[in-house]
């Protein structure tokens, strides 16, 4: 009886798999000399055509065009791309460093107010300036490490690849 039940379940599973339509899936490939990145539906990207930047989620990929947000962009007209790194640790670090420049400025303000009230001179010690400077510079530094921009040329190419299951 168990083997018959197993046979029925496997038959239904096979029937379900055979009746599911295989749909075409296309991906956008950025091919740099030693690096190949792929962008699929719902990835965030910014592309430049001429002097105009189109940014947002990839909502569609066709043979010769992509849909970024609500914009339709021809792949042949794209002359630069920008994207976030996909390394989770760096993205977490980028999220953590968001309020740090404001904390650095607040630290400088608090030390200045304290020095004026207590009539201290110099207003800032060297350690305070180093700490506040590190806090202020942290966000742009992490942003520079996690955000990439590439020009499209003969060495850096964009192409659409169909990876359909047939």
N, C-alpha and C. Protein backbone atom coordinates (compact mmCIF):
# COMPACT_ATOMS: atom_id res chain seq x y z
N UNK A 1 0.81 -1.19 0.00
CA UNK A 1 0.00 0.00 0.00
C UNK A 1 0.87 1.27 0.00
N UNK A 2 1.96 1.24 0.77
CA UNK A 2 2.84 2.41 0.81
C UNK A 2 3.49 2.66 -0.54
N UNK A 3 3.90 1.59 -1.21
CA UNK A 3 4.55 1.77 -2.51
C UNK A 3 3.56 2.33 -3.54
N UNK A 4 2.28 1.92 -3.43
CA UNK A 4 1.28 2.46 -4.34
C UNK A 4 1.06 3.95 -4.09
N UNK A 5 0.99 4.36 -2.82
CA UNK A 5 0.83 5.76 -2.46
C UNK A 5 2.04 6.57 -2.94
N UNK A 6 3.23 6.02 -2.78
CA UNK A 6 4.43 6.69 -3.26
C UNK A 6 4.40 6.82 -4.78
N UNK A 7 3.95 5.78 -5.47
CA UNK A 7 3.83 5.82 -6.92
C UNK A 7 2.85 6.90 -7.36
N UNK A 8 1.72 7.01 -6.70
CA UNK A 8 0.71 8.03 -7.04
C UNK A 8 1.28 9.43 -6.82
N UNK A 9 1.97 9.64 -5.68
CA UNK A 9 2.54 10.96 -5.39
C UNK A 9 3.60 11.34 -6.42
N UNK A 10 4.46 10.42 -6.75
CA UNK A 10 5.50 10.70 -7.74
C UNK A 10 4.90 10.96 -9.12
N UNK A 11 3.84 10.21 -9.45
CA UNK A 11 3.17 10.43 -10.74
C UNK A 11 2.53 11.80 -10.80
N UNK A 12 1.88 12.22 -9.72
CA UNK A 12 1.28 13.55 -9.68
C UNK A 12 2.34 14.65 -9.74
N UNK A 13 3.46 14.43 -9.06
CA UNK A 13 4.55 15.41 -9.10
C UNK A 13 5.12 15.51 -10.51
N UNK A 14 5.33 14.39 -11.18
CA UNK A 14 5.84 14.39 -12.55
C UNK A 14 4.86 15.07 -13.49
N UNK A 15 3.58 14.79 -13.33
CA UNK A 15 2.55 15.42 -14.15
C UNK A 15 2.54 16.94 -13.94
N UNK A 16 2.68 17.37 -12.68
CA UNK A 16 2.70 18.81 -12.38
C UNK A 16 3.92 19.46 -13.01
N UNK A 17 5.07 18.82 -12.94
CA UNK A 17 6.28 19.38 -13.52
C UNK A 17 6.22 19.46 -15.04
N UNK A 18 5.58 18.49 -15.66
CA UNK A 18 5.49 18.49 -17.12
C UNK A 18 4.50 19.51 -17.65
N UNK A 19 3.51 19.87 -16.85
CA UNK A 19 2.50 20.81 -17.33
C UNK A 19 2.87 22.26 -17.05
N UNK A 20 3.88 22.50 -16.22
CA UNK A 20 4.31 23.87 -15.94
C UNK A 20 5.02 24.42 -17.17
N UNK A 21 4.64 25.61 -17.57
CA UNK A 21 5.27 26.23 -18.74
C UNK A 21 6.64 26.76 -18.34
N UNK A 22 7.60 26.50 -19.17
CA UNK A 22 8.92 27.10 -18.98
C UNK A 22 8.89 28.47 -19.64
N UNK A 23 9.24 29.49 -18.87
CA UNK A 23 9.20 30.84 -19.43
C UNK A 23 10.61 31.32 -19.70
N UNK A 24 10.68 32.25 -20.62
CA UNK A 24 11.97 32.80 -21.01
C UNK A 24 12.46 33.75 -19.92
N UNK A 25 13.70 33.58 -19.56
CA UNK A 25 14.30 34.49 -18.61
C UNK A 25 15.55 35.07 -19.24
N UNK A 26 15.62 36.38 -19.24
CA UNK A 26 16.76 37.05 -19.83
C UNK A 26 17.49 37.80 -18.74
N UNK A 27 18.80 37.85 -18.86
CA UNK A 27 19.60 38.60 -17.90
C UNK A 27 20.50 39.57 -18.64
N UNK A 28 20.84 40.63 -17.97
CA UNK A 28 21.75 41.64 -18.51
C UNK A 28 23.14 41.33 -17.97
N UNK A 29 24.09 41.15 -18.86
CA UNK A 29 25.46 40.81 -18.48
C UNK A 29 26.35 42.02 -18.69
N UNK A 30 27.11 42.38 -17.66
CA UNK A 30 28.16 43.38 -17.79
C UNK A 30 29.47 42.62 -17.83
N UNK A 31 30.15 42.69 -18.96
CA UNK A 31 31.37 41.91 -19.19
C UNK A 31 32.57 42.85 -19.19
N UNK A 32 33.35 42.76 -18.13
CA UNK A 32 34.57 43.53 -18.02
C UNK A 32 35.71 42.52 -18.18
N UNK A 33 36.89 42.96 -18.44
CA UNK A 33 38.00 42.06 -18.79
C UNK A 33 38.06 40.79 -17.94
N UNK A 34 38.15 40.91 -16.64
CA UNK A 34 38.25 39.72 -15.79
C UNK A 34 37.03 39.52 -14.91
N UNK A 35 36.01 40.31 -15.12
CA UNK A 35 34.83 40.26 -14.27
C UNK A 35 33.58 40.16 -15.13
N UNK A 36 32.65 39.37 -14.69
CA UNK A 36 31.36 39.28 -15.37
C UNK A 36 30.27 39.38 -14.30
N UNK A 37 29.45 40.40 -14.43
CA UNK A 37 28.35 40.60 -13.50
C UNK A 37 27.04 40.39 -14.24
N UNK A 38 26.08 39.81 -13.56
CA UNK A 38 24.77 39.65 -14.19
C UNK A 38 23.72 40.40 -13.36
N UNK A 39 22.81 41.01 -14.08
CA UNK A 39 21.69 41.72 -13.48
C UNK A 39 20.42 41.06 -13.97
N UNK A 40 19.54 40.74 -13.04
CA UNK A 40 18.29 40.07 -13.41
C UNK A 40 17.13 40.96 -12.98
N UNK A 41 15.95 40.48 -13.22
CA UNK A 41 14.75 41.24 -12.86
C UNK A 41 14.80 41.60 -11.38
N UNK A 42 14.36 42.79 -11.05
CA UNK A 42 14.22 43.32 -9.70
C UNK A 42 15.56 43.71 -9.06
N UNK A 43 16.66 43.69 -9.81
CA UNK A 43 17.92 44.22 -9.30
C UNK A 43 17.92 45.74 -9.46
N UNK A 44 18.58 46.42 -8.55
CA UNK A 44 18.70 47.87 -8.62
C UNK A 44 19.90 48.22 -9.50
N UNK A 45 19.72 49.19 -10.39
CA UNK A 45 20.79 49.60 -11.30
C UNK A 45 20.54 51.03 -11.74
N UNK A 46 21.60 51.70 -12.13
CA UNK A 46 21.50 53.02 -12.77
C UNK A 46 22.24 52.92 -14.09
N UNK A 47 21.61 53.40 -15.15
CA UNK A 47 22.24 53.38 -16.47
C UNK A 47 22.19 54.79 -17.05
N UNK A 48 23.21 55.15 -17.83
CA UNK A 48 23.26 56.47 -18.45
C UNK A 48 23.16 56.33 -19.97
N UNK A 49 22.26 57.09 -20.55
CA UNK A 49 22.16 57.21 -22.01
C UNK A 49 22.37 58.68 -22.32
N UNK A 50 23.42 58.98 -23.06
CA UNK A 50 23.76 60.38 -23.31
C UNK A 50 24.19 61.02 -22.00
N UNK A 51 23.44 62.01 -21.56
CA UNK A 51 23.72 62.67 -20.27
C UNK A 51 22.66 62.36 -19.23
N UNK A 52 21.69 61.52 -19.56
CA UNK A 52 20.57 61.23 -18.68
C UNK A 52 20.79 59.92 -17.93
N UNK A 53 20.64 59.97 -16.61
CA UNK A 53 20.72 58.76 -15.79
C UNK A 53 19.31 58.22 -15.55
N UNK A 54 19.14 56.92 -15.72
CA UNK A 54 17.89 56.22 -15.43
C UNK A 54 18.20 55.29 -14.27
N UNK A 55 17.49 55.45 -13.16
CA UNK A 55 17.79 54.62 -12.01
C UNK A 55 16.53 53.96 -11.49
N UNK A 56 16.74 52.80 -10.88
CA UNK A 56 15.63 52.07 -10.29
C UNK A 56 15.81 50.58 -10.44
N UNK A 57 14.71 49.91 -10.26
CA UNK A 57 14.68 48.45 -10.34
C UNK A 57 14.51 48.03 -11.79
N UNK A 58 15.18 46.96 -12.18
CA UNK A 58 14.98 46.41 -13.52
C UNK A 58 13.62 45.72 -13.54
N UNK A 59 12.70 46.26 -14.32
CA UNK A 59 11.35 45.72 -14.36
C UNK A 59 11.10 44.86 -15.60
N UNK A 60 12.02 44.86 -16.55
CA UNK A 60 11.87 44.03 -17.73
C UNK A 60 13.16 44.00 -18.54
N UNK A 61 13.41 42.86 -19.16
CA UNK A 61 14.59 42.71 -20.01
C UNK A 61 14.14 42.07 -21.31
N UNK A 62 14.38 42.76 -22.41
CA UNK A 62 14.08 42.25 -23.74
C UNK A 62 15.39 42.04 -24.49
N UNK A 63 15.30 41.63 -25.76
CA UNK A 63 16.51 41.34 -26.54
C UNK A 63 17.42 42.55 -26.69
N UNK A 64 16.86 43.71 -26.93
CA UNK A 64 17.70 44.88 -27.19
C UNK A 64 17.40 46.05 -26.26
N UNK A 65 16.57 45.84 -25.24
CA UNK A 65 16.25 46.93 -24.32
C UNK A 65 15.96 46.39 -22.93
N UNK A 66 16.11 47.29 -21.98
CA UNK A 66 15.74 46.96 -20.60
C UNK A 66 14.79 48.04 -20.09
N UNK A 67 14.02 47.69 -19.09
CA UNK A 67 13.10 48.63 -18.46
C UNK A 67 13.62 48.88 -17.05
N UNK A 68 14.06 50.12 -16.82
CA UNK A 68 14.58 50.52 -15.51
C UNK A 68 13.55 51.44 -14.89
N UNK A 69 12.89 50.96 -13.84
CA UNK A 69 11.78 51.71 -13.28
C UNK A 69 10.69 51.82 -14.32
N UNK A 70 10.36 53.04 -14.72
CA UNK A 70 9.35 53.26 -15.75
C UNK A 70 9.96 53.65 -17.08
N UNK A 71 11.28 53.62 -17.18
CA UNK A 71 11.96 54.04 -18.40
C UNK A 71 12.34 52.84 -19.27
N UNK A 72 12.17 52.99 -20.58
CA UNK A 72 12.60 51.98 -21.53
C UNK A 72 13.93 52.44 -22.10
N UNK A 73 14.98 51.62 -21.96
CA UNK A 73 16.32 52.02 -22.35
C UNK A 73 16.87 50.97 -23.32
N UNK A 74 17.36 51.44 -24.48
CA UNK A 74 18.01 50.52 -25.41
C UNK A 74 19.40 50.18 -24.90
N UNK A 75 19.74 48.90 -24.92
CA UNK A 75 21.04 48.46 -24.43
C UNK A 75 22.17 49.08 -25.24
N UNK A 76 21.96 49.26 -26.54
CA UNK A 76 23.01 49.83 -27.39
C UNK A 76 23.28 51.30 -27.09
N UNK A 77 22.33 52.00 -26.44
CA UNK A 77 22.51 53.41 -26.12
C UNK A 77 23.11 53.66 -24.74
N UNK A 78 23.28 52.62 -23.95
CA UNK A 78 23.81 52.78 -22.60
C UNK A 78 25.31 53.03 -22.69
N UNK A 79 25.78 54.11 -22.06
CA UNK A 79 27.21 54.39 -22.10
C UNK A 79 27.87 54.33 -20.73
N UNK A 80 27.11 54.07 -19.65
CA UNK A 80 27.69 53.88 -18.32
C UNK A 80 26.66 53.21 -17.42
N UNK A 81 27.14 52.47 -16.41
CA UNK A 81 26.26 51.87 -15.40
C UNK A 81 26.84 52.16 -14.03
N UNK A 82 25.94 52.23 -13.05
CA UNK A 82 26.31 52.33 -11.64
C UNK A 82 25.49 51.30 -10.88
N UNK A 83 26.11 50.68 -9.89
CA UNK A 83 25.41 49.67 -9.11
C UNK A 83 26.06 49.53 -7.75
N UNK A 84 25.29 48.99 -6.80
CA UNK A 84 25.79 48.68 -5.47
C UNK A 84 26.50 47.35 -5.49
N UNK A 85 27.48 47.21 -4.62
CA UNK A 85 28.11 45.90 -4.47
C UNK A 85 27.09 44.94 -3.87
N UNK A 86 27.28 43.69 -4.11
CA UNK A 86 26.31 42.71 -3.60
C UNK A 86 26.85 41.95 -2.40
N UNK A 87 27.92 42.43 -1.82
CA UNK A 87 28.48 41.78 -0.64
C UNK A 87 27.72 42.26 0.58
N UNK A 88 27.08 41.34 1.28
CA UNK A 88 26.18 41.70 2.37
C UNK A 88 26.89 42.43 3.50
N UNK A 89 28.13 42.05 3.82
CA UNK A 89 28.86 42.70 4.90
C UNK A 89 29.11 44.17 4.61
N UNK A 90 29.47 44.49 3.37
CA UNK A 90 29.71 45.88 3.02
C UNK A 90 28.43 46.68 3.01
N UNK A 91 27.32 46.06 2.59
CA UNK A 91 26.04 46.76 2.63
C UNK A 91 25.60 47.02 4.06
N UNK A 92 25.86 46.07 4.96
CA UNK A 92 25.56 46.28 6.36
C UNK A 92 26.40 47.42 6.92
N UNK A 93 27.69 47.43 6.57
CA UNK A 93 28.57 48.51 7.00
C UNK A 93 28.09 49.86 6.47
N UNK A 94 27.59 49.87 5.25
CA UNK A 94 27.07 51.10 4.66
C UNK A 94 25.84 51.59 5.41
N UNK A 95 25.00 50.67 5.84
CA UNK A 95 23.84 51.06 6.63
C UNK A 95 24.21 51.58 8.00
N UNK A 96 25.22 50.99 8.61
CA UNK A 96 25.65 51.41 9.94
C UNK A 96 26.30 52.79 9.90
N UNK A 97 27.05 53.09 8.85
CA UNK A 97 27.78 54.36 8.80
C UNK A 97 26.90 55.54 8.41
N UNK A 98 25.63 55.32 8.16
CA UNK A 98 24.74 56.41 7.77
C UNK A 98 24.73 57.59 8.72
N UNK A 99 24.48 57.38 10.02
CA UNK A 99 24.40 58.53 10.94
C UNK A 99 25.75 59.02 11.49
N UNK A 100 26.84 58.39 11.14
CA UNK A 100 28.12 58.76 11.74
C UNK A 100 28.61 60.17 11.40
N UNK A 101 28.43 60.69 10.17
CA UNK A 101 28.85 62.09 9.94
C UNK A 101 28.09 63.09 10.83
N UNK A 102 26.82 62.85 11.05
CA UNK A 102 26.05 63.73 11.93
C UNK A 102 26.57 63.62 13.36
N UNK A 103 26.97 62.41 13.76
CA UNK A 103 27.53 62.23 15.11
C UNK A 103 28.86 62.98 15.23
N UNK A 104 29.68 62.98 14.19
CA UNK A 104 30.94 63.72 14.21
C UNK A 104 30.71 65.21 14.34
N UNK A 105 29.74 65.73 13.59
CA UNK A 105 29.42 67.16 13.69
C UNK A 105 28.84 67.50 15.06
N UNK A 106 28.00 66.61 15.60
CA UNK A 106 27.44 66.83 16.95
C UNK A 106 28.54 66.83 18.00
N UNK A 107 29.51 65.94 17.84
CA UNK A 107 30.64 65.90 18.77
C UNK A 107 31.40 67.21 18.76
N UNK A 108 31.67 67.74 17.57
CA UNK A 108 32.36 69.02 17.47
C UNK A 108 31.53 70.15 18.09
N UNK A 109 30.22 70.14 17.87
CA UNK A 109 29.35 71.18 18.44
C UNK A 109 29.33 71.10 19.96
N UNK A 110 29.23 69.89 20.50
CA UNK A 110 29.19 69.73 21.96
C UNK A 110 30.51 70.19 22.58
N UNK A 111 31.63 69.81 21.98
CA UNK A 111 32.93 70.25 22.50
C UNK A 111 33.07 71.77 22.41
N UNK A 112 32.58 72.38 21.34
CA UNK A 112 32.67 73.84 21.20
C UNK A 112 31.82 74.54 22.25
N UNK A 113 30.60 74.07 22.46
CA UNK A 113 29.73 74.67 23.47
C UNK A 113 30.34 74.51 24.86
N UNK A 114 30.87 73.31 25.14
CA UNK A 114 31.50 73.05 26.43
C UNK A 114 32.71 73.96 26.64
N UNK A 115 33.51 74.16 25.59
CA UNK A 115 34.70 75.01 25.72
C UNK A 115 34.32 76.47 25.94
N UNK A 116 33.26 76.93 25.28
CA UNK A 116 32.82 78.32 25.46
C UNK A 116 32.28 78.53 26.87
N UNK A 117 31.49 77.58 27.37
CA UNK A 117 30.92 77.70 28.71
C UNK A 117 32.03 77.70 29.77
N UNK A 118 33.02 76.80 29.62
CA UNK A 118 34.09 76.66 30.62
C UNK A 118 35.29 77.55 30.33
N UNK A 119 35.22 78.34 29.26
CA UNK A 119 36.30 79.25 28.89
C UNK A 119 37.62 78.49 28.69
N UNK A 120 37.56 77.36 27.97
CA UNK A 120 38.73 76.53 27.69
C UNK A 120 39.40 76.97 26.40
N UNK A 121 40.72 76.76 26.39
CA UNK A 121 41.47 77.00 25.15
C UNK A 121 42.56 75.94 25.08
N UNK A 122 42.79 75.27 24.00
CA UNK A 122 42.10 75.31 22.70
C UNK A 122 40.74 74.64 22.80
N UNK A 123 39.87 75.00 21.88
CA UNK A 123 38.51 74.47 21.91
C UNK A 123 38.51 72.97 21.66
N UNK A 124 39.30 72.53 20.70
CA UNK A 124 39.34 71.11 20.35
C UNK A 124 40.75 70.56 20.60
N UNK A 125 40.80 69.38 21.18
CA UNK A 125 42.09 68.69 21.29
C UNK A 125 42.35 67.94 19.98
N UNK A 126 43.57 67.48 19.83
CA UNK A 126 43.92 66.76 18.60
C UNK A 126 43.13 65.46 18.49
N UNK A 127 42.95 64.76 19.60
CA UNK A 127 42.19 63.49 19.59
C UNK A 127 40.73 63.72 19.21
N UNK A 128 40.16 64.82 19.67
CA UNK A 128 38.77 65.13 19.33
C UNK A 128 38.63 65.40 17.83
N UNK A 129 39.57 66.14 17.27
CA UNK A 129 39.52 66.41 15.83
C UNK A 129 39.71 65.15 15.01
N UNK A 130 40.60 64.26 15.45
CA UNK A 130 40.82 62.99 14.73
C UNK A 130 39.56 62.14 14.77
N UNK A 131 38.94 62.02 15.96
CA UNK A 131 37.72 61.22 16.10
C UNK A 131 36.58 61.80 15.27
N UNK A 132 36.37 63.11 15.37
CA UNK A 132 35.28 63.74 14.61
C UNK A 132 35.54 63.63 13.11
N UNK A 133 36.78 63.81 12.68
CA UNK A 133 37.12 63.67 11.26
C UNK A 133 36.87 62.26 10.76
N UNK A 134 37.23 61.26 11.57
CA UNK A 134 36.99 59.86 11.17
C UNK A 134 35.50 59.57 11.06
N UNK A 135 34.71 60.12 11.97
CA UNK A 135 33.27 59.92 11.90
C UNK A 135 32.67 60.58 10.67
N UNK A 136 33.11 61.78 10.37
CA UNK A 136 32.58 62.52 9.22
C UNK A 136 32.96 61.85 7.90
N UNK A 137 34.19 61.33 7.81
CA UNK A 137 34.68 60.74 6.56
C UNK A 137 34.20 59.30 6.36
N UNK A 138 33.68 58.66 7.41
CA UNK A 138 33.33 57.24 7.31
C UNK A 138 32.28 56.94 6.25
N UNK A 139 31.22 57.75 6.19
CA UNK A 139 30.16 57.46 5.23
C UNK A 139 30.61 57.62 3.79
N UNK A 140 31.27 58.73 3.39
CA UNK A 140 31.75 58.81 2.01
C UNK A 140 32.76 57.72 1.65
N UNK A 141 33.58 57.32 2.60
CA UNK A 141 34.57 56.28 2.34
C UNK A 141 33.89 54.93 2.08
N UNK A 142 32.94 54.57 2.93
CA UNK A 142 32.23 53.30 2.73
C UNK A 142 31.39 53.35 1.46
N UNK A 143 30.80 54.49 1.16
CA UNK A 143 30.04 54.64 -0.08
C UNK A 143 30.96 54.41 -1.29
N UNK A 144 32.14 54.98 -1.24
CA UNK A 144 33.11 54.81 -2.33
C UNK A 144 33.51 53.34 -2.49
N UNK A 145 33.57 52.61 -1.39
CA UNK A 145 33.95 51.19 -1.45
C UNK A 145 32.82 50.30 -1.94
N UNK A 146 31.57 50.72 -1.78
CA UNK A 146 30.44 49.83 -2.10
C UNK A 146 29.66 50.21 -3.34
N UNK A 147 29.99 51.31 -3.97
CA UNK A 147 29.23 51.77 -5.13
C UNK A 147 30.17 51.85 -6.32
N UNK A 148 29.79 51.25 -7.44
CA UNK A 148 30.69 51.16 -8.59
C UNK A 148 30.07 51.81 -9.81
N UNK A 149 30.92 52.46 -10.61
CA UNK A 149 30.49 53.07 -11.86
C UNK A 149 31.45 52.62 -12.95
N UNK A 150 30.89 52.19 -14.08
CA UNK A 150 31.70 51.74 -15.21
C UNK A 150 31.19 52.36 -16.49
N UNK A 151 32.13 52.81 -17.33
CA UNK A 151 31.77 53.27 -18.67
C UNK A 151 31.67 52.05 -19.58
N UNK A 152 30.77 52.13 -20.55
CA UNK A 152 30.60 51.05 -21.51
C UNK A 152 31.44 51.42 -22.74
N UNK A 153 32.36 50.53 -23.12
CA UNK A 153 33.21 50.75 -24.29
C UNK A 153 33.60 49.39 -24.85
N UNK A 154 34.67 49.34 -25.64
CA UNK A 154 35.04 48.06 -26.26
C UNK A 154 35.55 47.04 -25.24
N UNK A 155 36.02 47.50 -24.08
CA UNK A 155 36.51 46.57 -23.05
C UNK A 155 35.43 46.21 -22.04
N UNK A 156 34.51 47.12 -21.79
CA UNK A 156 33.40 46.90 -20.87
C UNK A 156 32.12 46.87 -21.69
N UNK A 157 31.54 45.68 -21.81
CA UNK A 157 30.37 45.53 -22.69
C UNK A 157 29.14 45.12 -21.91
N UNK A 158 27.99 45.51 -22.43
CA UNK A 158 26.70 45.08 -21.92
C UNK A 158 26.02 44.23 -22.98
N UNK A 159 25.42 43.14 -22.56
CA UNK A 159 24.66 42.32 -23.50
C UNK A 159 23.55 41.60 -22.76
N UNK A 160 22.52 41.23 -23.51
CA UNK A 160 21.39 40.50 -22.96
C UNK A 160 21.52 39.05 -23.38
N UNK A 161 21.38 38.15 -22.41
CA UNK A 161 21.48 36.72 -22.68
C UNK A 161 20.18 36.05 -22.26
N UNK A 162 19.69 35.17 -23.11
CA UNK A 162 18.48 34.41 -22.85
C UNK A 162 18.88 33.09 -22.20
N UNK A 163 18.38 32.83 -20.98
CA UNK A 163 18.73 31.58 -20.29
C UNK A 163 17.47 30.74 -20.08
N UNK A 164 16.67 30.64 -21.11
CA UNK A 164 15.42 29.90 -21.04
C UNK A 164 15.66 28.41 -20.86
N UNK A 165 14.72 27.79 -20.18
CA UNK A 165 14.71 26.34 -20.04
C UNK A 165 13.70 25.83 -21.06
N UNK A 166 14.15 25.02 -21.96
CA UNK A 166 13.24 24.54 -23.01
C UNK A 166 13.08 23.06 -22.93
